[in-house]
Amino acid sequence: MEIIKDGKTLATAIKRAVKAIMTMQDRVHELAVSSMYHYWLHGDSTYLTNLGSGITKCNGVNKQKFIGYVSETCGLNWDVKNNRFKKAKNSTFTKDSGQDEFPIDQLQAQRWYEFELDSEMPSWMLKKALRQLNTQIASHSDEAKSQIEDAYDEFVALESTMKEVGLGVSQESFSDDTPEWLHKAA
């Protein structure tokens, strides 16, 4: 590695590096739109997967913005385990699903790197997360029992939040079906 000691040379090198990065993210966007076109035309997400899995290998790139952009735009799901996009059952992006025209103007205007990530978890993801948590607790009940004291306050906070948003209101308690060992000992 070469250390640039001259200030003017360093400033020029920084400007060039930033310009190159900006150009590269625009090039990735062009490739994404081209891959989306292929998916729209053929229903084949291979090129989107190739681009997505390649980007997930790049340190310093906000991978979630790219994955979120493609997922939301094309109705695809990112399979973290297999590092690929999978077609959602209700995707309406492809030509075969009724999208007669490829939305080139929209895709050119909305860049993947400008995609806003939600800080809130979508409702479908909440259901999936709770289902996975329930399965994990059931599968590892001995370990879960040893962690109950530390996790109980978070459990009560979740129960309270769910009541506040209208879930569990009709029940005496959200935790009525919770195993007895999960309730905090008096």
Protein backbone atom coordinates (compact mmCIF):
# COMPACT_ATOMS: atom_id res chain seq x y z
CA MET A 1 0.00 0.00 0.00
CA GLU A 2 1.28 3.39 -0.96
CA ILE A 3 0.77 6.33 1.41
CA ILE A 4 0.06 9.55 -0.46
CA LYS A 5 1.88 12.28 1.40
CA ASP A 6 1.16 15.27 -0.83
CA GLY A 7 -2.17 16.94 0.09
CA LYS A 8 -3.07 18.03 -3.44
CA THR A 9 -2.38 14.54 -4.82
CA LEU A 10 -4.41 13.00 -1.98
CA ALA A 11 -7.39 15.31 -2.65
CA THR A 12 -7.32 14.39 -6.35
CA ALA A 13 -7.11 10.67 -5.56
CA ILE A 14 -10.10 10.93 -3.19
CA LYS A 15 -12.20 12.72 -5.82
CA ARG A 16 -11.34 10.05 -8.39
CA ALA A 17 -12.15 7.20 -6.00
CA VAL A 18 -15.52 8.70 -5.06
CA LYS A 19 -16.38 9.30 -8.73
CA ALA A 20 -15.45 5.70 -9.56
CA ILE A 21 -17.68 4.39 -6.75
CA MET A 22 -20.60 6.55 -7.91
CA THR A 23 -20.12 5.31 -11.47
CA MET A 24 -19.95 1.70 -10.28
CA GLN A 25 -23.19 1.90 -8.29
CA ASP A 26 -24.91 3.33 -11.38
CA ARG A 27 -23.47 0.47 -13.43
CA VAL A 28 -24.82 -2.03 -10.90
CA HIS A 29 -28.20 -0.32 -11.25
CA GLU A 30 -28.08 -0.74 -15.03
CA LEU A 31 -27.30 -4.42 -14.54
CA ALA A 32 -30.14 -4.74 -12.03
CA VAL A 33 -32.65 -3.18 -14.44
CA SER A 34 -31.42 -5.44 -17.24
CA SER A 35 -31.75 -8.45 -14.93
CA MET A 36 -35.24 -7.29 -13.97
CA TYR A 37 -36.13 -7.11 -17.65
CA HIS A 38 -34.98 -10.70 -18.09
CA TYR A 39 -37.10 -11.71 -15.08
CA TRP A 40 -40.11 -9.76 -16.41
CA LEU A 41 -39.81 -11.39 -19.84
CA HIS A 42 -38.95 -14.98 -18.87
CA GLY A 43 -39.87 -15.32 -15.16
CA ASP A 44 -36.24 -16.34 -14.54
CA SER A 45 -34.48 -14.66 -11.61
CA THR A 46 -31.06 -16.22 -12.26
CA TYR A 47 -29.39 -12.93 -13.25
CA LEU A 48 -30.91 -11.09 -10.29
CA THR A 49 -29.60 -13.87 -8.07
CA ASN A 50 -26.13 -13.65 -9.63
CA LEU A 51 -26.05 -9.90 -9.05
CA GLY A 52 -27.54 -10.16 -5.57
CA SER A 53 -25.23 -12.91 -4.40
CA GLY A 54 -22.26 -11.02 -5.85
CA ILE A 55 -23.21 -7.84 -4.04
CA THR A 56 -23.62 -9.68 -0.76
CA LYS A 57 -19.92 -10.57 -1.02
CA CYS A 58 -18.90 -6.88 -1.24
CA ASN A 59 -17.92 -5.34 2.07
CA GLY A 60 -18.96 -1.72 2.38
CA VAL A 61 -22.04 -2.11 0.18
CA ASN A 62 -25.46 -1.81 1.79
CA LYS A 63 -26.64 -5.24 0.72
CA GLN A 64 -30.04 -4.84 2.37
CA LYS A 65 -30.85 -1.88 0.11
CA PHE A 66 -30.23 -3.94 -3.02
CA ILE A 67 -32.10 -6.99 -1.74
CA GLY A 68 -34.98 -4.84 -0.48
CA TYR A 69 -35.19 -2.91 -3.75
CA VAL A 70 -35.32 -6.05 -5.89
CA SER A 71 -37.68 -7.85 -3.49
CA GLU A 72 -40.14 -4.97 -3.37
CA THR A 73 -39.94 -4.09 -7.05
CA CYS A 74 -40.13 -7.61 -8.48
CA GLY A 75 -42.04 -9.43 -5.78
CA LEU A 76 -39.17 -11.81 -5.13
CA ASN A 77 -38.03 -13.23 -1.79
CA TRP A 78 -34.37 -13.38 -0.80
CA ASP A 79 -33.40 -16.84 0.44
CA VAL A 80 -30.64 -16.08 2.95
CA LYS A 81 -29.74 -19.73 3.43
CA ASN A 82 -29.18 -20.39 -0.29
CA ASN A 83 -28.14 -16.83 -1.18
CA ARG A 84 -30.66 -16.41 -4.00
CA PHE A 85 -33.91 -14.79 -5.06
CA LYS A 86 -37.00 -16.98 -5.16
CA LYS A 87 -40.25 -16.12 -6.90
CA ALA A 88 -43.04 -15.23 -4.49
CA LYS A 89 -46.36 -16.94 -4.98
CA ASN A 90 -48.14 -13.63 -5.52
CA SER A 91 -45.57 -11.89 -7.75
CA THR A 92 -47.24 -9.66 -10.34
CA PHE A 93 -44.08 -8.29 -11.93
CA THR A 94 -43.65 -10.71 -14.83
CA LYS A 95 -45.22 -10.44 -18.27
CA ASP A 96 -46.94 -13.81 -17.75
CA SER A 97 -48.57 -12.56 -14.53
CA GLY A 98 -50.29 -9.68 -16.34
CA GLN A 99 -47.68 -6.90 -16.29
CA ASP A 100 -47.99 -5.99 -19.99
CA GLU A 101 -45.28 -3.33 -20.07
CA PHE A 102 -41.85 -3.35 -18.50
CA PRO A 103 -41.71 -0.33 -16.12
CA ILE A 104 -38.44 1.07 -17.49
CA ASP A 105 -39.17 4.71 -16.56
CA GLN A 106 -39.94 3.82 -12.95
CA LEU A 107 -36.88 1.59 -12.66
CA GLN A 108 -34.57 4.20 -14.16
CA ALA A 109 -35.83 6.81 -11.70
CA GLN A 110 -35.74 4.66 -8.57
CA ARG A 111 -32.16 3.63 -7.86
CA TRP A 112 -31.39 0.60 -5.71
CA TYR A 113 -28.91 2.55 -3.58
CA GLU A 114 -31.59 5.13 -2.74
CA PHE A 115 -34.03 2.46 -1.52
CA GLU A 116 -35.32 3.29 1.96
CA LEU A 117 -35.06 0.47 4.44
CA ASP A 118 -37.94 0.27 6.87
CA SER A 119 -37.03 0.09 10.50
CA GLU A 120 -40.32 -1.68 11.15
CA MET A 121 -40.77 -5.38 10.61
CA PRO A 122 -43.52 -6.22 8.08
CA SER A 123 -46.45 -8.14 9.59
CA TRP A 124 -45.67 -11.27 7.58
CA MET A 125 -42.13 -11.18 8.96
CA LEU A 126 -43.43 -10.77 12.53
CA LYS A 127 -45.56 -13.89 12.11
CA LYS A 128 -42.59 -15.78 10.69
CA ALA A 129 -40.27 -14.57 13.47
CA LEU A 130 -42.73 -15.58 16.19
CA ARG A 131 -43.28 -18.98 14.57
CA GLN A 132 -39.51 -19.56 14.42
CA LEU A 133 -39.08 -18.40 18.00
CA ASN A 134 -41.83 -20.72 19.18
CA THR A 135 -40.25 -23.65 17.32
CA GLN A 136 -36.80 -22.87 18.74
CA ILE A 137 -38.13 -22.64 22.31
CA ALA A 138 -39.97 -25.94 21.92
CA SER A 139 -36.91 -27.62 20.40
CA HIS A 140 -34.53 -26.35 23.07
CA SER A 141 -36.78 -26.16 26.14
CA ASP A 142 -34.00 -26.97 28.64
CA GLU A 143 -31.82 -24.16 27.32
CA ALA A 144 -34.82 -21.82 27.14
CA LYS A 145 -35.64 -22.58 30.78
CA SER A 146 -32.14 -21.55 31.82
CA GLN A 147 -32.54 -18.22 30.01
CA ILE A 148 -36.04 -17.36 31.23
CA GLU A 149 -34.98 -15.00 34.01
CA ASP A 150 -32.99 -12.85 31.58
CA ALA A 151 -35.61 -12.97 28.82
CA TYR A 152 -38.76 -12.51 30.90
CA ASP A 153 -38.72 -8.68 30.88
CA GLU A 154 -38.55 -8.73 27.07
CA PHE A 155 -41.41 -11.24 26.97
CA VAL A 156 -43.57 -8.96 29.15
CA ALA A 157 -42.68 -5.96 26.96
CA LEU A 158 -43.72 -7.91 23.84
CA GLU A 159 -46.97 -8.95 25.50
CA SER A 160 -47.68 -5.34 26.48
CA THR A 161 -46.90 -4.00 23.00
CA MET A 162 -49.13 -6.59 21.36
CA LYS A 163 -51.99 -5.59 23.66
CA GLU A 164 -51.38 -1.89 22.89
CA VAL A 165 -51.69 -2.50 19.14
CA GLY A 166 -54.86 -4.54 19.54
CA LEU A 167 -53.52 -8.08 19.61
CA GLY A 168 -54.60 -10.17 22.54
CA VAL A 169 -57.22 -7.64 23.67
CA SER A 170 -60.01 -10.21 23.67
CA GLN A 171 -57.95 -12.56 25.81
CA GLU A 172 -57.22 -12.29 29.51
CA SER A 173 -53.57 -12.57 28.62
CA PHE A 174 -51.57 -12.97 25.43
CA SER A 175 -49.58 -15.64 27.25
CA ASP A 176 -52.49 -17.93 28.24
CA ASP A 177 -51.04 -20.76 26.14
CA THR A 178 -47.51 -20.20 27.39
CA PRO A 179 -45.95 -23.19 29.14
CA GLU A 180 -46.07 -22.86 32.94
CA TRP A 181 -42.27 -22.90 33.25
CA LEU A 182 -42.11 -19.76 31.08
CA HIS A 183 -44.09 -17.69 33.56
CA LYS A 184 -41.84 -15.93 36.06
CA ALA A 185 -41.81 -17.55 39.44
CA ALA A 186 -43.41 -15.41 42.12
